[in-house]
Amino acid sequence: MTRHPPYQHDGSVSTLREVVELYNRGGHKNPYLDVKMEPLGLSPAEVDAIVAFLETLEGQGYEDKAPQAFPQ
């Protein structure tokens, strides 16, 4: 999860922390923002905990490379 920044559909966010902080603020205000998108109200410690959790999702033994060939 942390191996391929930038994040978001447009590559506008550089780190997982920035992603969590963006959602915590309720996103970027714009005419297309869903009306259901609201600030999360997370504390700094909660933001830290979410980022730490996301960083654990990489696991061990994960190979971050394409296979040499696909099955035919």
Protein backbone atom coordinates (compact mmCIF):
# COMPACT_ATOMS: atom_id res chain seq x y z
CA MET A 1 0.00 0.00 0.00
CA THR A 2 2.82 2.41 0.76
CA ARG A 3 4.88 1.34 -2.23
CA HIS A 4 3.24 3.32 -4.99
CA PRO A 5 2.62 6.97 -4.21
CA PRO A 6 1.23 9.33 -5.27
CA TYR A 7 -2.29 8.48 -4.13
CA GLN A 8 -5.83 9.41 -5.17
CA HIS A 9 -7.22 9.14 -8.67
CA ASP A 10 -5.25 12.18 -9.81
CA GLY A 11 -2.00 11.58 -7.95
CA SER A 12 -2.51 14.71 -5.88
CA VAL A 13 -1.49 13.24 -2.51
CA SER A 14 2.09 12.20 -1.74
CA THR A 15 1.78 10.16 1.48
CA LEU A 16 -0.68 7.95 3.33
CA ARG A 17 -0.71 10.50 6.15
CA GLU A 18 -1.86 13.18 3.69
CA VAL A 19 -4.61 10.84 2.46
CA VAL A 20 -5.91 10.27 5.99
CA GLU A 21 -5.67 13.99 6.78
CA LEU A 22 -7.54 14.84 3.57
CA TYR A 23 -10.44 12.57 4.55
CA ASN A 24 -10.26 13.84 8.12
CA ARG A 25 -10.84 17.38 6.78
CA GLY A 26 -13.79 16.18 4.70
CA GLY A 27 -12.01 16.32 1.34
CA HIS A 28 -11.34 19.27 -0.91
CA LYS A 29 -14.36 21.51 -1.26
CA ASN A 30 -15.49 21.56 -4.88
CA PRO A 31 -18.77 21.43 -6.83
CA TYR A 32 -18.47 17.64 -7.32
CA LEU A 33 -17.81 16.68 -3.69
CA ASP A 34 -20.52 14.33 -2.45
CA VAL A 35 -22.78 16.03 0.08
CA LYS A 36 -22.30 13.03 2.38
CA MET A 37 -18.56 13.72 2.66
CA GLU A 38 -17.99 15.25 6.08
CA PRO A 39 -14.92 15.82 8.27
CA LEU A 40 -14.11 12.75 10.36
CA GLY A 41 -13.00 14.63 13.47
CA LEU A 42 -10.07 12.32 14.17
CA SER A 43 -7.49 13.30 16.77
CA PRO A 44 -3.80 13.40 15.83
CA ALA A 45 -3.34 10.10 17.71
CA GLU A 46 -6.16 8.50 15.70
CA VAL A 47 -4.61 9.71 12.45
CA ASP A 48 -1.28 8.20 13.57
CA ALA A 49 -3.00 4.90 14.39
CA ILE A 50 -4.75 4.68 11.01
CA VAL A 51 -1.53 5.45 9.14
CA ALA A 52 0.34 2.84 11.20
CA PHE A 53 -2.38 0.28 10.44
CA LEU A 54 -2.29 1.01 6.71
CA GLU A 55 1.48 0.57 6.72
CA THR A 56 1.06 -2.94 8.17
CA LEU A 57 -1.03 -4.08 5.20
CA GLU A 58 2.07 -4.63 3.07
CA GLY A 59 2.85 -7.84 4.92
CA GLN A 60 5.98 -9.89 4.52
CA GLY A 61 7.02 -11.66 1.37
CA TYR A 62 5.04 -9.40 -0.90
CA GLU A 63 6.66 -9.24 -4.33
CA ASP A 64 6.25 -5.86 -5.90
CA LYS A 65 7.08 -6.85 -9.46
CA ALA A 66 5.20 -8.17 -12.44
CA PRO A 67 5.49 -11.88 -13.29
CA GLN A 68 7.88 -12.81 -16.06
CA ALA A 69 5.04 -14.45 -17.98
CA PHE A 70 1.34 -15.00 -17.60
CA PRO A 71 -0.27 -18.45 -17.96
CA GLN A 72 -1.43 -19.19 -21.48
